[in-house]
Amino acid sequence: MKIKEVIGSLTATPTQNKPLAIPKPSTTTTPTQVKNSADKARIDALKTTADATQDRLKTEKDRQKKQKAVQTISSLSAPAS
């Protein structure tokens, strides 16, 4: 009896029709894509460095201007000899 049930279940039509899962195509990176992403990363790093350098330059120029202004004020407020 068991054999007939197993054979019957193999030949019976399924009650649910499930769609077949189609595998997604694998995304492979080509050497050109790797080179482009490496180049882009380098450009981004250089831009970040350039921005930081510009900020430091501006800060240094402002510091020097303030220092010169303080010297000017102190020389004007010093008594003339």
Protein backbone atom coordinates (compact mmCIF):
# COMPACT_ATOMS: atom_id res chain seq x y z
CA MET A 1 0.00 0.00 0.00
CA LYS A 2 2.81 2.40 0.79
CA ILE A 3 4.45 1.88 -2.59
CA LYS A 4 1.21 2.71 -4.37
CA GLU A 5 0.86 5.94 -2.34
CA VAL A 6 4.40 7.01 -3.19
CA ILE A 7 3.98 6.21 -6.87
CA GLY A 8 0.59 7.88 -6.85
CA SER A 9 2.03 11.06 -5.33
CA LEU A 10 4.75 11.13 -7.98
CA THR A 11 2.29 10.88 -10.84
CA ALA A 12 -0.39 13.10 -9.31
CA THR A 13 -0.65 16.68 -10.49
CA PRO A 14 0.45 19.23 -7.92
CA THR A 15 -2.25 21.20 -6.16
CA GLN A 16 -0.28 24.49 -6.34
CA ASN A 17 1.46 25.73 -9.40
CA LYS A 18 4.59 27.45 -8.17
CA PRO A 19 6.55 29.52 -10.66
CA LEU A 20 10.05 28.38 -11.29
CA ALA A 21 12.71 30.51 -9.70
CA ILE A 22 14.88 31.96 -12.41
CA PRO A 23 18.34 32.71 -11.09
CA LYS A 24 19.54 36.27 -11.51
CA PRO A 25 22.48 36.69 -13.81
CA SER A 26 25.66 37.14 -11.88
CA THR A 27 27.08 40.62 -12.01
CA THR A 28 30.74 40.45 -12.72
CA THR A 29 33.01 43.40 -12.77
CA THR A 30 35.30 43.87 -15.67
CA PRO A 31 38.85 45.16 -15.27
CA THR A 32 37.73 48.41 -16.88
CA GLN A 33 35.00 48.85 -14.28
CA VAL A 34 37.45 48.16 -11.48
CA LYS A 35 39.90 50.67 -12.97
CA ASN A 36 37.14 53.27 -13.34
CA SER A 37 36.00 52.81 -9.75
CA ALA A 38 39.60 52.99 -8.52
CA ASP A 39 40.14 56.15 -10.57
CA LYS A 40 36.94 57.65 -9.20
CA ALA A 41 37.98 56.82 -5.65
CA ARG A 42 41.36 58.47 -6.22
CA ILE A 43 39.73 61.59 -7.68
CA ASP A 44 37.33 61.76 -4.73
CA ALA A 45 40.24 61.44 -2.29
CA LEU A 46 42.16 64.17 -4.09
CA LYS A 47 39.11 66.45 -4.04
CA THR A 48 38.71 65.87 -0.32
CA THR A 49 42.38 66.64 0.25
CA ALA A 50 42.14 69.76 -1.91
CA ASP A 51 39.10 70.97 0.03
CA ALA A 52 40.88 70.41 3.34
CA THR A 53 43.97 72.23 2.05
CA GLN A 54 41.88 75.19 0.92
CA ASP A 55 40.25 75.34 4.35
CA ARG A 56 43.64 75.29 6.10
CA LEU A 57 44.97 77.98 3.75
CA LYS A 58 41.99 80.22 4.45
CA THR A 59 42.40 79.67 8.19
CA GLU A 60 46.10 80.53 8.05
CA LYS A 61 45.47 83.69 6.00
CA ASP A 62 42.81 84.80 8.48
CA ARG A 63 45.18 84.13 11.39
CA GLN A 64 47.92 86.21 9.76
CA LYS A 65 45.50 89.06 9.03
CA LYS A 66 44.36 89.09 12.66
CA GLN A 67 47.95 89.01 13.89
CA LYS A 68 48.87 91.94 11.63
CA ALA A 69 45.80 93.86 12.80
CA VAL A 70 46.72 93.27 16.45
CA GLN A 71 50.27 94.49 15.76
CA THR A 72 48.92 97.58 14.00
CA ILE A 73 46.56 98.37 16.86
CA SER A 74 49.25 97.85 19.46
CA SER A 75 51.70 100.09 17.57
CA LEU A 76 49.06 102.83 17.29
CA SER A 77 48.14 102.67 20.94
CA ALA A 78 51.75 102.66 22.15
CA PRO A 79 52.93 106.08 23.37
CA ALA A 80 55.09 107.94 20.91
CA SER A 81 58.59 108.40 22.17
